[in-house]
Amino acid sequence: EVRLVESGGGLVQAGGSLRLSCAASGFTFEDYVIAWFRQSPGQKREGVSCIGFREDLSTYYLDSVKGRFTISRNDAQRTAYLQMNNLKPDDTALYYCAAVITGREPNLTAVAVADYNAMDHWGKGTLVAVST
């Protein structure tokens, strides 16, 4: 069974930090681009960050999180991470991880704006709430 399970969300004050995890099973994690998306009530889903796979670990970040968020992956543990520092109330959202298999040299910007059905696997999300 294919699974992506997010964890690490919670309530934090502005300026605080959280580390989200995305644990994968049931597919060859190391061959997939991993992306983090978020969606807050009444807002469109947006791609927050992506990371390549195998030798190409290039990354993409949404402009509003550059310098504050860091994406990483540990293929041996089949887990991806999103370290979020200096959190702001605007970061409040349900955060999802997703996986997609692409060709070599993936276009991570395209992954970040991909339709829901373009991704191969989705988690159910973890809630991040940032208070003032």
C-alpha atoms as a PDB file:
ATOM      1  CA  GLU A   1       0.000   0.000   0.000  1.00  0.00           C
ATOM      2  CA  VAL A   2       1.324   3.400  -0.983  1.00  0.00           C
ATOM      3  CA  ARG A   3       1.433   5.850   1.897  1.00  0.00           C
ATOM      4  CA  LEU A   4       2.743   9.302   2.621  1.00  0.00           C
ATOM      5  CA  VAL A   5       2.292  10.322   6.228  1.00  0.00           C
ATOM      6  CA  GLU A   6       3.025  13.840   7.373  1.00  0.00           C
ATOM      7  CA  SER A   7       3.818  14.772  10.952  1.00  0.00           C
ATOM      8  CA  GLY A   8       5.324  17.615  12.930  1.00  0.00           C
ATOM      9  CA  GLY A   9       2.629  20.227  12.586  1.00  0.00           C
ATOM     10  CA  GLY A  10       1.276  22.170  15.524  1.00  0.00           C
ATOM     11  CA  LEU A  11       0.628  25.553  17.053  1.00  0.00           C
ATOM     12  CA  VAL A  12       3.574  27.907  17.302  1.00  0.00           C
ATOM     13  CA  GLN A  13       4.069  31.579  17.960  1.00  0.00           C
ATOM     14  CA  ALA A  14       5.266  33.877  15.215  1.00  0.00           C
ATOM     15  CA  GLY A  15       9.031  33.652  14.920  1.00  0.00           C
ATOM     16  CA  GLY A  16       9.050  30.034  16.033  1.00  0.00           C
ATOM     17  CA  SER A  17      10.079  26.904  14.176  1.00  0.00           C
ATOM     18  CA  LEU A  18       8.616  23.566  13.193  1.00  0.00           C
ATOM     19  CA  ARG A  19      10.025  20.589  11.335  1.00  0.00           C
ATOM     20  CA  LEU A  20       7.599  18.652   9.208  1.00  0.00           C
ATOM     21  CA  SER A  21       8.277  15.059   8.238  1.00  0.00           C
ATOM     22  CA  CYS A  22       6.851  13.002   5.415  1.00  0.00           C
ATOM     23  CA  ALA A  23       7.291   9.249   5.803  1.00  0.00           C
ATOM     24  CA  ALA A  24       6.841   7.175   2.659  1.00  0.00           C
ATOM     25  CA  SER A  25       6.064   3.535   2.061  1.00  0.00           C
ATOM     26  CA  GLY A  26       4.854   1.324  -0.749  1.00  0.00           C
ATOM     27  CA  PHE A  27       6.834   2.881  -3.599  1.00  0.00           C
ATOM     28  CA  THR A  28      10.443   3.557  -4.612  1.00  0.00           C
ATOM     29  CA  PHE A  29      10.833   6.784  -2.701  1.00  0.00           C
ATOM     30  CA  GLU A  30      14.309   7.499  -4.036  1.00  0.00           C
ATOM     31  CA  ASP A  31      13.036   7.775  -7.611  1.00  0.00           C
ATOM     32  CA  TYR A  32      10.441  10.449  -6.873  1.00  0.00           C
ATOM     33  CA  VAL A  33      10.488  14.214  -6.658  1.00  0.00           C
ATOM     34  CA  ILE A  34       9.041  15.230  -3.302  1.00  0.00           C
ATOM     35  CA  ALA A  35       6.998  18.383  -2.891  1.00  0.00           C
ATOM     36  CA  TRP A  36       5.359  20.207  -0.013  1.00  0.00           C
ATOM     37  CA  PHE A  37       2.100  22.017  -0.658  1.00  0.00           C
ATOM     38  CA  ARG A  38      -0.114  24.015   1.652  1.00  0.00           C
ATOM     39  CA  GLN A  39      -3.662  25.222   1.679  1.00  0.00           C
ATOM     40  CA  SER A  40      -5.434  27.518   4.065  1.00  0.00           C
ATOM     41  CA  PRO A  41      -9.229  27.990   4.235  1.00  0.00           C
ATOM     42  CA  GLY A  42     -10.568  29.891   1.257  1.00  0.00           C
ATOM     43  CA  GLN A  43      -7.208  29.925  -0.467  1.00  0.00           C
ATOM     44  CA  LYS A  44      -5.798  28.035  -3.406  1.00  0.00           C
ATOM     45  CA  ARG A  45      -3.333  25.255  -2.768  1.00  0.00           C
ATOM     46  CA  GLU A  46       0.211  26.453  -3.341  1.00  0.00           C
ATOM     47  CA  GLY A  47       3.486  24.669  -3.815  1.00  0.00           C
ATOM     48  CA  VAL A  48       5.852  25.567  -1.003  1.00  0.00           C
ATOM     49  CA  SER A  49       8.982  23.590  -1.813  1.00  0.00           C
ATOM     50  CA  CYS A  50      10.261  20.709  -3.925  1.00  0.00           C
ATOM     51  CA  ILE A  51      13.378  18.587  -4.016  1.00  0.00           C
ATOM     52  CA  GLY A  52      14.824  16.489  -6.789  1.00  0.00           C
ATOM     53  CA  PHE A  53      15.884  12.888  -6.581  1.00  0.00           C
ATOM     54  CA  ARG A  54      19.030  10.737  -6.642  1.00  0.00           C
ATOM     55  CA  GLU A  55      22.020  12.723  -7.898  1.00  0.00           C
ATOM     56  CA  ASP A  56      19.968  15.846  -8.656  1.00  0.00           C
ATOM     57  CA  LEU A  57      18.899  17.267  -5.313  1.00  0.00           C
ATOM     58  CA  SER A  58      18.034  20.668  -6.639  1.00  0.00           C
ATOM     59  CA  THR A  59      15.358  22.556  -4.733  1.00  0.00           C
ATOM     60  CA  TYR A  60      12.544  24.994  -5.327  1.00  0.00           C
ATOM     61  CA  TYR A  61      11.003  27.418  -2.828  1.00  0.00           C
ATOM     62  CA  LEU A  62       7.982  29.651  -2.970  1.00  0.00           C
ATOM     63  CA  ASP A  63       9.221  33.235  -2.843  1.00  0.00           C
ATOM     64  CA  SER A  64       7.493  33.945   0.457  1.00  0.00           C
ATOM     65  CA  VAL A  65       9.361  31.142   2.249  1.00  0.00           C
ATOM     66  CA  LYS A  66      12.838  31.586   0.759  1.00  0.00           C
ATOM     67  CA  GLY A  67      15.433  31.966   3.462  1.00  0.00           C
ATOM     68  CA  ARG A  68      13.076  30.603   6.114  1.00  0.00           C
ATOM     69  CA  PHE A  69      12.195  27.065   4.953  1.00  0.00           C
ATOM     70  CA  THR A  70      14.570  24.235   4.032  1.00  0.00           C
ATOM     71  CA  ILE A  71      13.556  21.040   2.302  1.00  0.00           C
ATOM     72  CA  SER A  72      15.584  17.856   2.595  1.00  0.00           C
ATOM     73  CA  ARG A  73      15.248  14.122   2.157  1.00  0.00           C
ATOM     74  CA  ASN A  74      16.758  10.976   3.583  1.00  0.00           C
ATOM     75  CA  ASP A  75      16.286   8.153   1.129  1.00  0.00           C
ATOM     76  CA  ALA A  76      17.592   5.516   3.543  1.00  0.00           C
ATOM     77  CA  GLN A  77      14.818   6.488   5.952  1.00  0.00           C
ATOM     78  CA  ARG A  78      12.304   7.078   3.147  1.00  0.00           C
ATOM     79  CA  THR A  79      11.481  10.419   4.693  1.00  0.00           C
ATOM     80  CA  ALA A  80      11.388  14.009   3.518  1.00  0.00           C
ATOM     81  CA  TYR A  81      11.519  17.037   5.744  1.00  0.00           C
ATOM     82  CA  LEU A  82      10.524  20.664   5.723  1.00  0.00           C
ATOM     83  CA  GLN A  83      12.331  22.777   8.298  1.00  0.00           C
ATOM     84  CA  MET A  84      10.354  25.955   8.860  1.00  0.00           C
ATOM     85  CA  ASN A  85      11.968  28.825  10.735  1.00  0.00           C
ATOM     86  CA  ASN A  86      10.805  32.330  11.548  1.00  0.00           C
ATOM     87  CA  LEU A  87       7.218  31.287  11.009  1.00  0.00           C
ATOM     88  CA  LYS A  88       4.631  33.940  10.248  1.00  0.00           C
ATOM     89  CA  PRO A  89       0.848  33.934  10.691  1.00  0.00           C
ATOM     90  CA  ASP A  90       0.532  33.783   6.887  1.00  0.00           C
ATOM     91  CA  ASP A  91       2.205  30.355   7.022  1.00  0.00           C
ATOM     92  CA  THR A  92      -0.855  28.949   8.767  1.00  0.00           C
ATOM     93  CA  ALA A  93      -2.234  26.148   6.592  1.00  0.00           C
ATOM     94  CA  LEU A  94      -2.662  22.441   6.143  1.00  0.00           C
ATOM     95  CA  TYR A  95       0.646  21.183   4.782  1.00  0.00           C
ATOM     96  CA  TYR A  96       0.736  18.205   2.449  1.00  0.00           C
ATOM     97  CA  CYS A  97       3.601  16.247   0.993  1.00  0.00           C
ATOM     98  CA  ALA A  98       3.325  14.703  -2.429  1.00  0.00           C
ATOM     99  CA  ALA A  99       5.475  12.602  -4.703  1.00  0.00           C
ATOM    100  CA  VAL A 100       5.788  12.502  -8.460  1.00  0.00           C
ATOM    101  CA  ILE A 101       8.015  10.522 -10.767  1.00  0.00           C
ATOM    102  CA  THR A 102       9.614  12.600 -13.478  1.00  0.00           C
ATOM    103  CA  GLY A 103      12.344  12.296 -16.016  1.00  0.00           C
ATOM    104  CA  ARG A 104      15.928  13.362 -15.405  1.00  0.00           C
ATOM    105  CA  GLU A 105      16.465  17.054 -14.625  1.00  0.00           C
ATOM    106  CA  PRO A 106      12.944  17.617 -13.294  1.00  0.00           C
ATOM    107  CA  ASN A 107      11.353  21.025 -13.660  1.00  0.00           C
ATOM    108  CA  LEU A 108      10.660  21.721 -10.005  1.00  0.00           C
ATOM    109  CA  THR A 109       8.897  24.994 -10.726  1.00  0.00           C
ATOM    110  CA  ALA A 110       6.415  23.058 -12.831  1.00  0.00           C
ATOM    111  CA  VAL A 111       5.972  20.504 -10.055  1.00  0.00           C
ATOM    112  CA  ALA A 112       5.178  23.270  -7.596  1.00  0.00           C
ATOM    113  CA  VAL A 113       2.273  24.500  -9.710  1.00  0.00           C
ATOM    114  CA  ALA A 114       1.114  21.091 -10.885  1.00  0.00           C
ATOM    115  CA  ASP A 115      -2.500  20.078 -10.724  1.00  0.00           C
ATOM    116  CA  TYR A 116      -3.545  17.698  -7.989  1.00  0.00           C
ATOM    117  CA  ASN A 117      -3.902  14.823 -10.426  1.00  0.00           C
ATOM    118  CA  ALA A 118      -0.424  15.401 -11.833  1.00  0.00           C
ATOM    119  CA  MET A 119       1.150  14.160  -8.614  1.00  0.00           C
ATOM    120  CA  ASP A 120       1.397  10.408  -8.134  1.00  0.00           C
ATOM    121  CA  HIS A 121       0.951  10.210  -4.365  1.00  0.00           C
ATOM    122  CA  TRP A 122      -0.392  12.503  -1.655  1.00  0.00           C
ATOM    123  CA  GLY A 123      -0.399  12.505   2.093  1.00  0.00           C
ATOM    124  CA  LYS A 124      -3.346  13.607   4.193  1.00  0.00           C
ATOM    125  CA  GLY A 125      -1.654  16.652   5.627  1.00  0.00           C
ATOM    126  CA  THR A 126      -0.512  18.109   8.909  1.00  0.00           C
ATOM    127  CA  LEU A 127      -1.837  21.362  10.320  1.00  0.00           C
ATOM    128  CA  VAL A 128       0.455  24.289  11.020  1.00  0.00           C
ATOM    129  CA  ALA A 129      -0.974  27.215  12.958  1.00  0.00           C
ATOM    130  CA  VAL A 130       1.084  30.304  13.679  1.00  0.00           C
ATOM    131  CA  SER A 131      -0.193  32.792  16.238  1.00  0.00           C
ATOM    132  CA  THR A 132       0.724  36.453  16.547  1.00  0.00           C
END
